[in-house]
Amino acid sequence: MLISILTILLLISAVSIIVLVLLQQGKGADMGAAFGGGSSQSLFGSRGSATFLSRVTGILAIVFFATALGLAYLYTQAGKTASSVTSQLEEPSVGTDIPTAPVKESNDVSDIPVTPSSD
């Protein structure tokens, strides 16, 4: 149950990080705004979006790494309890009869075809 919850949290944080990184502006976008591109200051202000999105991305990165490490730890602990397949096999009891294939009576006639002789 815990592994399923951590896996879902890991996937949500990974997709969120991807979306937030794609939403962020590049470093050169501020130069475009300085030369007349006023549309870059739409929702969060001139530097507000960069710091807000950077902080959320950092927090999600910490969540992503923590869940990944937690899942790795849980899977290694689950792997220690598993044993070998051969150790789980049942030992046959000593008194059991092993069935054998019936033996066909031999009349010196073989099922293998005779090869032609080279005369």
Protein backbone atom coordinates (compact mmCIF):
# COMPACT_ATOMS: atom_id res chain seq x y z
CA MET A 1 0.00 0.00 0.00
CA LEU A 2 2.78 2.41 0.94
CA ILE A 3 4.72 1.54 -2.20
CA SER A 4 1.68 2.33 -4.35
CA ILE A 5 1.17 5.70 -2.66
CA LEU A 6 4.84 6.63 -3.05
CA THR A 7 4.82 5.55 -6.70
CA ILE A 8 1.79 7.74 -7.44
CA LEU A 9 3.42 10.66 -5.59
CA LEU A 10 6.62 10.13 -7.58
CA LEU A 11 4.75 10.18 -10.90
CA ILE A 12 2.75 13.29 -9.97
CA SER A 13 5.87 15.15 -8.87
CA ALA A 14 7.75 14.12 -12.04
CA VAL A 15 4.98 15.35 -14.35
CA SER A 16 4.64 18.56 -12.31
CA ILE A 17 8.37 19.25 -12.56
CA ILE A 18 8.23 18.77 -16.33
CA VAL A 19 5.28 21.16 -16.65
CA LEU A 20 6.87 23.79 -14.40
CA VAL A 21 10.20 23.68 -16.22
CA LEU A 22 8.40 24.16 -19.53
CA LEU A 23 6.46 27.13 -18.09
CA GLN A 24 9.57 28.97 -16.94
CA GLN A 25 11.17 31.61 -19.11
CA GLY A 26 14.73 31.29 -20.27
CA LYS A 27 17.51 33.62 -19.10
CA GLY A 28 17.43 35.56 -22.36
CA ALA A 29 13.70 36.34 -22.10
CA ASP A 30 14.36 39.36 -19.87
CA MET A 31 16.33 41.08 -22.64
CA GLY A 32 13.33 40.81 -24.94
CA ALA A 33 11.17 42.48 -22.32
CA ALA A 34 13.72 45.30 -21.91
CA PHE A 35 13.50 46.15 -25.62
CA GLY A 36 9.73 46.53 -25.73
CA GLY A 37 8.24 43.09 -25.22
CA GLY A 38 5.78 44.06 -22.52
CA SER A 39 3.81 40.80 -22.66
CA SER A 40 6.30 38.99 -20.43
CA GLN A 41 4.97 40.82 -17.33
CA SER A 42 1.50 39.38 -17.47
CA LEU A 43 0.59 37.37 -14.37
CA PHE A 44 3.26 37.49 -11.65
CA GLY A 45 5.06 40.75 -12.42
CA SER A 46 8.53 41.20 -13.86
CA ARG A 47 10.47 38.85 -11.56
CA GLY A 48 7.57 37.34 -9.62
CA SER A 49 7.01 34.42 -11.96
CA ALA A 50 10.64 33.38 -12.01
CA THR A 51 10.99 33.23 -8.25
CA PHE A 52 7.59 31.61 -7.68
CA LEU A 53 8.06 28.95 -10.34
CA SER A 54 11.67 28.37 -9.27
CA ARG A 55 10.64 27.81 -5.66
CA VAL A 56 7.81 25.44 -6.59
CA THR A 57 10.14 23.54 -8.91
CA GLY A 58 12.72 23.25 -6.13
CA ILE A 59 10.13 21.98 -3.66
CA LEU A 60 8.84 19.42 -6.16
CA ALA A 61 12.41 18.32 -6.88
CA ILE A 62 12.92 17.66 -3.15
CA VAL A 63 9.65 15.68 -3.05
CA PHE A 64 10.72 13.73 -6.14
CA PHE A 65 14.13 12.79 -4.71
CA ALA A 66 12.67 11.91 -1.30
CA THR A 67 10.04 9.60 -2.78
CA ALA A 68 12.58 8.01 -5.11
CA LEU A 69 14.92 7.29 -2.19
CA GLY A 70 12.00 6.00 -0.11
CA LEU A 71 10.91 3.66 -2.87
CA ALA A 72 14.45 2.41 -3.34
CA TYR A 73 14.72 1.67 0.38
CA LEU A 74 11.35 -0.11 0.49
CA TYR A 75 12.18 -2.25 -2.55
CA THR A 76 15.55 -3.29 -1.12
CA GLN A 77 13.88 -4.28 2.16
CA ALA A 78 11.26 -6.29 0.27
CA GLY A 79 14.02 -8.03 -1.70
CA LYS A 80 15.71 -9.31 1.46
CA THR A 81 12.72 -11.40 2.48
CA ALA A 82 12.48 -13.26 -0.80
CA SER A 83 14.24 -16.57 -0.99
CA SER A 84 15.44 -18.74 -3.80
CA VAL A 85 13.00 -20.72 -5.91
CA THR A 86 14.97 -23.90 -5.34
CA SER A 87 14.71 -23.57 -1.56
CA GLN A 88 10.91 -23.50 -1.85
CA LEU A 89 10.71 -26.82 -3.73
CA GLU A 90 9.39 -29.78 -1.83
CA GLU A 91 11.75 -32.66 -1.22
CA PRO A 92 10.36 -35.98 -2.53
CA SER A 93 9.68 -38.54 0.14
CA VAL A 94 11.89 -41.62 0.19
CA GLY A 95 9.14 -44.22 -0.22
CA THR A 96 7.49 -42.87 -3.38
CA ASP A 97 7.57 -44.89 -6.57
CA ILE A 98 8.71 -43.02 -9.63
CA PRO A 99 6.75 -44.16 -12.69
CA THR A 100 8.85 -45.45 -15.54
CA ALA A 101 8.10 -45.68 -19.23
CA PRO A 102 7.08 -49.14 -20.47
CA VAL A 103 9.88 -51.09 -22.12
CA LYS A 104 9.08 -52.49 -25.55
CA GLU A 105 10.10 -56.06 -26.29
CA SER A 106 12.91 -56.16 -28.80
CA ASN A 107 12.68 -58.55 -31.77
CA ASP A 108 15.91 -57.38 -33.34
CA VAL A 109 13.85 -55.08 -35.50
CA SER A 110 14.81 -51.51 -35.07
CA ASP A 111 12.68 -48.44 -35.68
CA ILE A 112 15.66 -46.83 -37.35
CA PRO A 113 15.66 -47.31 -41.12
CA VAL A 114 18.53 -49.21 -42.63
CA THR A 115 20.98 -47.19 -44.68
CA PRO A 116 21.75 -48.47 -48.13
CA SER A 117 25.07 -50.18 -48.36
CA SER A 118 27.64 -48.95 -50.81
CA ASP A 119 28.47 -52.01 -52.99
